[in-house]
Protein backbone atom coordinates (compact mmCIF):
# COMPACT_ATOMS: atom_id res chain seq x y z
CA UNK A 1 -6.67 10.39 9.75
CA UNK A 2 -5.70 14.06 9.97
CA UNK A 3 -2.37 13.44 8.22
CA UNK A 4 -4.08 11.53 5.39
CA UNK A 5 -6.73 14.23 4.90
CA UNK A 6 -4.62 16.57 2.70
CA UNK A 7 -4.89 19.61 4.95
CA UNK A 8 -5.68 22.82 3.06
CA UNK A 9 -6.30 25.23 5.95
CA UNK A 10 -4.27 26.03 9.04
CA UNK A 11 -3.47 23.02 11.18
CA UNK A 12 -5.62 24.30 14.05
CA UNK A 13 -8.63 24.89 11.76
CA UNK A 14 -8.21 21.39 10.35
CA UNK A 15 -8.12 19.91 13.84
CA UNK A 16 -11.22 21.79 14.95
CA UNK A 17 -13.12 20.77 11.82
CA UNK A 18 -11.98 17.16 12.16
CA UNK A 19 -13.34 16.79 15.67
CA UNK A 20 -16.48 18.69 14.72
CA UNK A 21 -17.14 16.13 11.96
CA UNK A 22 -16.13 12.98 13.83
CA UNK A 23 -17.98 13.90 17.03
CA UNK A 24 -21.03 15.39 15.35
CA UNK A 25 -20.66 18.74 17.06
CA UNK A 26 -22.78 21.60 15.77
CA UNK A 27 -20.01 24.13 16.41
CA UNK A 28 -16.31 23.45 16.26
CA UNK A 29 -14.84 22.97 19.70
CA UNK A 30 -11.22 23.12 20.73
CA UNK A 31 -10.61 19.45 21.51
CA UNK A 32 -6.90 19.36 20.64
CA UNK A 33 -4.24 21.97 20.04
CA UNK A 34 -1.92 21.89 17.04
CA UNK A 35 1.07 21.53 19.35
CA UNK A 36 -0.42 18.25 20.64
CA UNK A 37 -0.66 16.97 17.06
CA UNK A 38 2.94 17.95 16.38
CA UNK A 39 4.13 16.10 19.47
CA UNK A 40 2.10 13.00 18.57
CA UNK A 41 3.30 13.14 14.95
CA UNK A 42 6.91 13.20 16.14
CA UNK A 43 6.38 9.80 17.79
CA UNK A 44 4.83 8.25 14.68
CA UNK A 45 7.09 5.90 12.75
CA UNK A 46 7.38 6.40 9.01
CA UNK A 47 6.75 2.68 8.56
CA UNK A 48 3.12 3.34 9.50
CA UNK A 49 2.65 5.22 6.22
CA UNK A 50 4.35 2.45 4.27
CA UNK A 51 2.00 -0.14 5.77
CA UNK A 52 -1.04 2.05 5.11
CA UNK A 53 0.01 2.52 1.49
CA UNK A 54 0.54 -1.23 1.09
CA UNK A 55 -2.96 -1.81 2.44
CA UNK A 56 -4.54 0.75 0.09
CA UNK A 57 -2.66 -0.64 -2.93
CA UNK A 58 -3.62 -4.23 -2.09
CA UNK A 59 -7.29 -3.32 -1.72
CA UNK A 60 -7.28 -1.34 -4.96
CA UNK A 61 -6.03 -4.25 -7.06
CA UNK A 62 -8.30 -6.70 -5.25
CA UNK A 63 -11.48 -4.60 -5.41
CA UNK A 64 -11.43 -3.43 -9.02
CA UNK A 65 -10.20 -4.48 -12.42
CA UNK A 66 -6.89 -2.67 -12.79
CA UNK A 67 -5.60 -1.69 -16.21
CA UNK A 68 -2.75 -3.92 -17.45
CA UNK A 69 -0.44 -4.17 -20.43
CA UNK A 70 -0.68 -7.57 -22.12
CA UNK A 71 -1.77 -9.03 -18.79
CA UNK A 72 1.12 -7.49 -16.89
CA UNK A 73 1.10 -4.75 -14.28
CA UNK A 74 3.23 -2.03 -15.83
CA UNK A 75 5.54 -0.31 -13.33
CA UNK A 76 8.00 2.55 -13.77
CA UNK A 77 10.88 2.96 -11.34
CA UNK A 78 12.62 6.30 -10.98
CA UNK A 79 14.91 8.16 -8.63
CA UNK A 80 15.17 11.80 -7.63
CA UNK A 81 16.25 14.11 -4.84
CA UNK A 82 14.15 16.18 -2.44
CA UNK A 83 15.05 19.42 -0.67
CA UNK A 84 14.59 19.22 3.07
CA UNK A 85 14.63 21.83 5.85
CA UNK A 86 18.23 22.88 6.53
CA UNK A 87 18.15 22.10 10.24
CA UNK A 88 21.12 20.58 12.05
CA UNK A 89 19.14 17.42 12.86
CA UNK A 90 18.02 16.89 9.25
CA UNK A 91 21.48 17.61 7.85
CA UNK A 92 23.04 15.16 10.29
CA UNK A 93 20.72 12.34 9.21
CA UNK A 94 20.22 12.97 5.49
CA UNK A 95 23.33 14.91 4.52
CA UNK A 96 23.26 17.04 1.40
CA UNK A 97 25.52 19.30 -0.58
CA UNK A 98 27.37 22.56 -0.10
CA UNK A 99 26.12 25.44 -2.26
CA UNK A 100 28.40 27.99 -3.93
CA UNK A 101 27.65 30.31 -1.02
CA UNK A 102 29.21 27.78 1.34
CA UNK A 103 25.87 27.00 2.97
CA UNK A 104 24.82 23.37 3.45
CA UNK A 105 21.54 22.29 1.87
CA UNK A 106 19.80 19.18 3.17
CA UNK A 107 18.84 16.67 0.47
CA UNK A 108 17.25 13.24 0.46
CA UNK A 109 17.41 10.47 -2.12
CA UNK A 110 13.98 9.29 -3.25
CA UNK A 111 13.12 6.21 -5.32
CA UNK A 112 9.56 5.27 -6.27
CA UNK A 113 7.76 2.60 -8.26
CA UNK A 114 4.72 3.98 -10.08
CA UNK A 115 1.85 2.26 -11.92
CA UNK A 116 1.24 4.70 -14.82
CA UNK A 117 -1.85 2.94 -16.17
CA UNK A 118 -3.69 3.15 -12.84
CA UNK A 119 -1.87 6.26 -11.54
CA UNK A 120 -0.73 4.68 -8.27
CA UNK A 121 2.54 4.85 -6.39
CA UNK A 122 3.05 1.21 -5.50
CA UNK A 123 6.13 1.76 -3.32
CA UNK A 124 8.58 4.50 -2.43
CA UNK A 125 11.70 4.97 -0.35
CA UNK A 126 13.35 8.08 1.08
CA UNK A 127 16.92 7.83 2.37
CA UNK A 128 20.05 9.89 3.01
CA UNK A 129 21.43 11.71 -0.02
CA UNK A 130 24.47 9.42 -0.22
CA UNK A 131 22.30 6.33 -0.78
CA UNK A 132 22.32 4.75 -4.24
CA UNK A 133 19.20 4.57 -6.39
CA UNK A 134 19.77 0.93 -7.31
CA UNK A 135 20.18 -0.14 -3.69
CA UNK A 136 16.99 1.68 -2.70
CA UNK A 137 15.10 0.08 -5.59
CA UNK A 138 16.30 -3.35 -4.41
CA UNK A 139 14.65 -2.67 -1.05
CA UNK A 140 11.30 -2.16 -2.82
CA UNK A 141 11.40 -5.42 -4.80
CA UNK A 142 9.50 -7.48 -2.17
CA UNK A 143 6.42 -5.50 -3.24
CA UNK A 144 6.78 -6.69 -6.85
CA UNK A 145 5.84 -10.06 -8.33
CA UNK A 146 5.84 -12.39 -11.32
CA UNK A 147 3.05 -10.54 -13.13
CA UNK A 148 4.91 -7.21 -13.12
CA UNK A 149 6.97 -5.54 -15.84
CA UNK A 150 9.38 -2.98 -14.37
CA UNK A 151 10.63 -0.15 -16.60
CA UNK A 152 13.86 1.57 -15.56
CA UNK A 153 15.85 4.49 -16.93
CA UNK A 154 19.56 4.58 -17.77
CA UNK A 155 20.60 5.33 -14.19
CA UNK A 156 19.67 1.81 -13.03
CA UNK A 157 21.54 -0.75 -15.20
CA UNK A 158 23.67 -3.07 -13.07
CA UNK A 159 24.30 -6.77 -13.55
CA UNK A 160 23.68 -7.51 -9.87
CA UNK A 161 20.29 -5.79 -10.10
CA UNK A 162 19.41 -7.72 -13.27
CA UNK A 163 20.31 -10.96 -11.48
CA UNK A 164 18.20 -10.00 -8.46
CA UNK A 165 15.18 -9.18 -10.64
CA UNK A 166 15.58 -12.44 -12.53
CA UNK A 167 15.88 -14.38 -9.26
CA UNK A 168 12.63 -12.81 -8.03
CA UNK A 169 11.04 -13.52 -11.44
CA UNK A 170 10.17 -9.86 -11.99
CA UNK A 171 10.08 -8.88 -15.67
CA UNK A 172 12.11 -5.78 -16.52
CA UNK A 173 13.07 -3.49 -19.38
CA UNK A 174 16.00 -1.17 -18.74
CA UNK A 175 17.36 1.66 -20.84
CA UNK A 176 21.15 1.47 -21.16
CA UNK A 177 23.82 3.66 -22.70
CA UNK A 178 25.45 2.61 -25.98
CA UNK A 179 28.70 1.83 -24.21
CA UNK A 180 27.20 0.08 -21.19
CA UNK A 181 28.84 -3.26 -22.05
CA UNK A 182 30.52 -4.91 -25.08
CA UNK A 183 27.43 -7.00 -25.82
CA UNK A 184 25.23 -3.91 -26.15
CA UNK A 185 27.81 -2.15 -28.33
CA UNK A 186 28.10 -5.20 -30.61
CA UNK A 187 24.32 -5.53 -30.88
CA UNK A 188 23.92 -1.92 -31.99
CA UNK A 189 26.72 -2.33 -34.53
CA UNK A 190 25.00 -5.43 -35.98
CA UNK A 191 22.02 -3.42 -37.20
CA UNK A 192 19.59 -6.04 -35.87
CA UNK A 193 16.25 -5.06 -34.33
CA UNK A 194 16.45 -7.65 -31.55
CA UNK A 195 18.70 -10.42 -30.31
CA UNK A 196 19.15 -12.93 -27.50
CA UNK A 197 22.62 -12.58 -26.02
CA UNK A 198 24.36 -15.16 -23.86
CA UNK A 199 27.69 -14.39 -22.23
CA UNK A 200 29.80 -16.31 -19.66
CA UNK A 201 29.63 -13.25 -17.42
CA UNK A 202 25.84 -13.15 -17.43
CA UNK A 203 23.54 -15.29 -15.34
CA UNK A 204 21.07 -17.33 -17.37
């Protein structure tokens, strides 16, 4: 509960206030030290936050009428990087890059799926810097369904990912470069506004 409470004061003040509120104490008492919280937090698996987020998302869509686009849940997938503390342990796990100064900077790869109409992060994944955005997105697909439309930027096009989305019956719209494949190049040269393209190399 403390970790989900968006702490704004010092960790010790937050702890004292938390126990004051939950135990109905008139004056804040020192029930737990911040070092105890840090030790307990170290033992907490990150999957606990994923499961909590899944529960919150499920209850949101079940309890209220969510905004949709033509009956579909609109989702935007995107990838980014995050700076992490440059400790030996973090660098060993996440990796990173070497700056011009020769110093190593720890970085993580982050991919998220966001519902822009309802302003909810449906799923997210943090992984070592060397991980690929497409592969991380594929790990999030079990949280998507038939009534979803996934929007992806030009960093995501891959035929294997298209096939996986089609297999899972998840609708998708992906931005691609002009030279992504011969079929796209030919379509743009045709001057048409839309087209259905079939190719022996594509899965129907």
